[in-house]
């Protein structure tokens, strides 16, 4: 890396640096937890307990959410809110078998 590239990179980092990110929302909890583990191992203490997550993760059914969104948009436009199921995609195994059969047939003709 040339001196000019290094100076440019440092200048870019300086322009992107923000000093106004203070407060509890911008606390580096990962580094603090890692430091606690390092300190416990260094002093042969028991490892700290992992805190419980603040909120359990919410599992979404994306297709259901999409269907609901489409239905709401259609109702807002005054259209019927019917949502149809997506057609089933062909199984990959069948396509792979067909491709293998074509290759085998072309090899037999070429031999």
Protein backbone atom coordinates (compact mmCIF):
# COMPACT_ATOMS: atom_id res chain seq x y z
CA UNK A 1 0.00 0.00 0.00
CA UNK A 2 1.43 3.34 -0.99
CA UNK A 3 1.73 6.31 1.34
CA UNK A 4 -1.02 8.15 -0.57
CA UNK A 5 -3.40 5.19 -0.27
CA UNK A 6 -2.73 4.93 3.45
CA UNK A 7 -3.33 8.64 3.96
CA UNK A 8 -6.53 8.42 1.91
CA UNK A 9 -7.77 5.46 3.97
CA UNK A 10 -7.01 7.28 7.23
CA UNK A 11 -8.78 10.42 5.96
CA UNK A 12 -11.82 8.36 4.97
CA UNK A 13 -11.94 6.70 8.39
CA UNK A 14 -11.70 10.11 10.05
CA UNK A 15 -14.65 11.46 8.03
CA UNK A 16 -16.74 8.39 8.88
CA UNK A 17 -15.96 8.45 12.61
CA UNK A 18 -18.77 9.65 14.85
CA UNK A 19 -18.29 10.86 18.39
CA UNK A 20 -21.98 11.42 19.17
CA UNK A 21 -22.79 7.75 19.74
CA UNK A 22 -22.92 7.73 23.52
CA UNK A 23 -25.39 6.31 25.99
CA UNK A 24 -26.67 2.88 27.02
CA UNK A 25 -27.88 2.02 23.51
CA UNK A 26 -24.32 2.21 22.20
CA UNK A 27 -22.59 0.14 24.84
CA UNK A 28 -20.18 -2.57 23.66
CA UNK A 29 -21.61 -5.50 25.59
CA UNK A 30 -19.71 -8.11 23.59
CA UNK A 31 -16.28 -6.74 24.52
CA UNK A 32 -17.30 -6.40 28.16
CA UNK A 33 -18.57 -10.00 28.31
CA UNK A 34 -15.44 -11.27 26.57
CA UNK A 35 -13.26 -9.39 29.06
CA UNK A 36 -15.19 -10.99 31.96
CA UNK A 37 -14.52 -14.45 30.50
CA UNK A 38 -10.83 -13.69 30.02
CA UNK A 39 -10.53 -12.37 33.59
CA UNK A 40 -12.34 -15.42 35.01
CA UNK A 41 -10.08 -17.84 33.13
CA UNK A 42 -6.97 -15.91 34.10
CA UNK A 43 -7.90 -16.06 37.80
CA UNK A 44 -9.21 -19.68 37.63
CA UNK A 45 -12.74 -18.62 38.60
CA UNK A 46 -15.99 -20.05 37.29
CA UNK A 47 -17.09 -18.54 34.01
CA UNK A 48 -19.82 -15.89 34.28
CA UNK A 49 -23.37 -16.98 33.52
CA UNK A 50 -24.73 -15.92 30.16
CA UNK A 51 -27.59 -13.44 30.59
CA UNK A 52 -31.03 -14.41 29.39
CA UNK A 53 -32.03 -12.72 26.14
CA UNK A 54 -34.07 -9.59 26.68
CA UNK A 55 -36.85 -10.81 24.38
CA UNK A 56 -37.28 -14.26 22.95
CA UNK A 57 -36.81 -14.38 19.21
CA UNK A 58 -39.98 -14.20 17.18
CA UNK A 59 -40.31 -16.75 14.39
CA UNK A 60 -42.16 -15.45 11.37
CA UNK A 61 -43.85 -17.41 8.64
CA UNK A 62 -42.71 -15.29 5.72
CA UNK A 63 -45.19 -16.73 3.26
CA UNK A 64 -48.07 -16.07 5.65
CA UNK A 65 -46.85 -12.50 6.19
CA UNK A 66 -46.52 -11.97 2.42
CA UNK A 67 -50.00 -13.39 1.76
CA UNK A 68 -51.46 -11.14 4.45
CA UNK A 69 -49.70 -8.10 2.99
CA UNK A 70 -50.96 -8.89 -0.52
CA UNK A 71 -54.50 -9.37 0.79
CA UNK A 72 -54.40 -6.04 2.64
CA UNK A 73 -53.06 -4.22 -0.43
CA UNK A 74 -55.79 -5.70 -2.64
CA UNK A 75 -58.50 -4.80 -0.15
CA UNK A 76 -57.15 -1.25 0.02
CA UNK A 77 -57.46 -1.02 -3.79
CA UNK A 78 -60.96 -2.47 -3.69
CA UNK A 79 -59.94 -5.73 -5.34
CA UNK A 80 -60.96 -9.13 -4.03
CA UNK A 81 -58.46 -10.26 -1.44
CA UNK A 82 -58.07 -13.82 -2.72
CA UNK A 83 -54.59 -15.22 -2.36
CA UNK A 84 -53.72 -18.42 -4.17
CA UNK A 85 -51.13 -20.95 -3.15
CA UNK A 86 -47.84 -20.89 -5.03
CA UNK A 87 -47.47 -23.73 -7.54
CA UNK A 88 -45.27 -26.57 -6.41
CA UNK A 89 -41.76 -26.54 -7.84
CA UNK A 90 -40.55 -29.70 -9.55
CA UNK A 91 -38.33 -31.85 -7.43
CA UNK A 92 -34.64 -31.50 -8.13
CA UNK A 93 -34.06 -35.25 -8.08
CA UNK A 94 -36.28 -35.79 -11.11
CA UNK A 95 -34.43 -33.10 -13.08
CA UNK A 96 -31.07 -34.59 -12.08
CA UNK A 97 -32.20 -38.06 -13.22
CA UNK A 98 -33.33 -36.69 -16.59
CA UNK A 99 -29.99 -34.95 -17.08
CA UNK A 100 -28.09 -38.14 -16.18
CA UNK A 101 -30.24 -40.14 -18.64
CA UNK A 102 -29.55 -37.63 -21.43
CA UNK A 103 -25.82 -37.80 -20.78
CA UNK A 104 -25.86 -41.60 -20.78
CA UNK A 105 -27.83 -41.67 -24.05
CA UNK A 106 -25.44 -39.23 -25.74
CA UNK A 107 -22.44 -41.32 -24.64
CA UNK A 108 -24.02 -44.48 -26.10
CA UNK A 109 -24.63 -42.79 -29.44
CA UNK A 110 -21.10 -41.38 -29.53
CA UNK A 111 -19.46 -44.77 -28.79
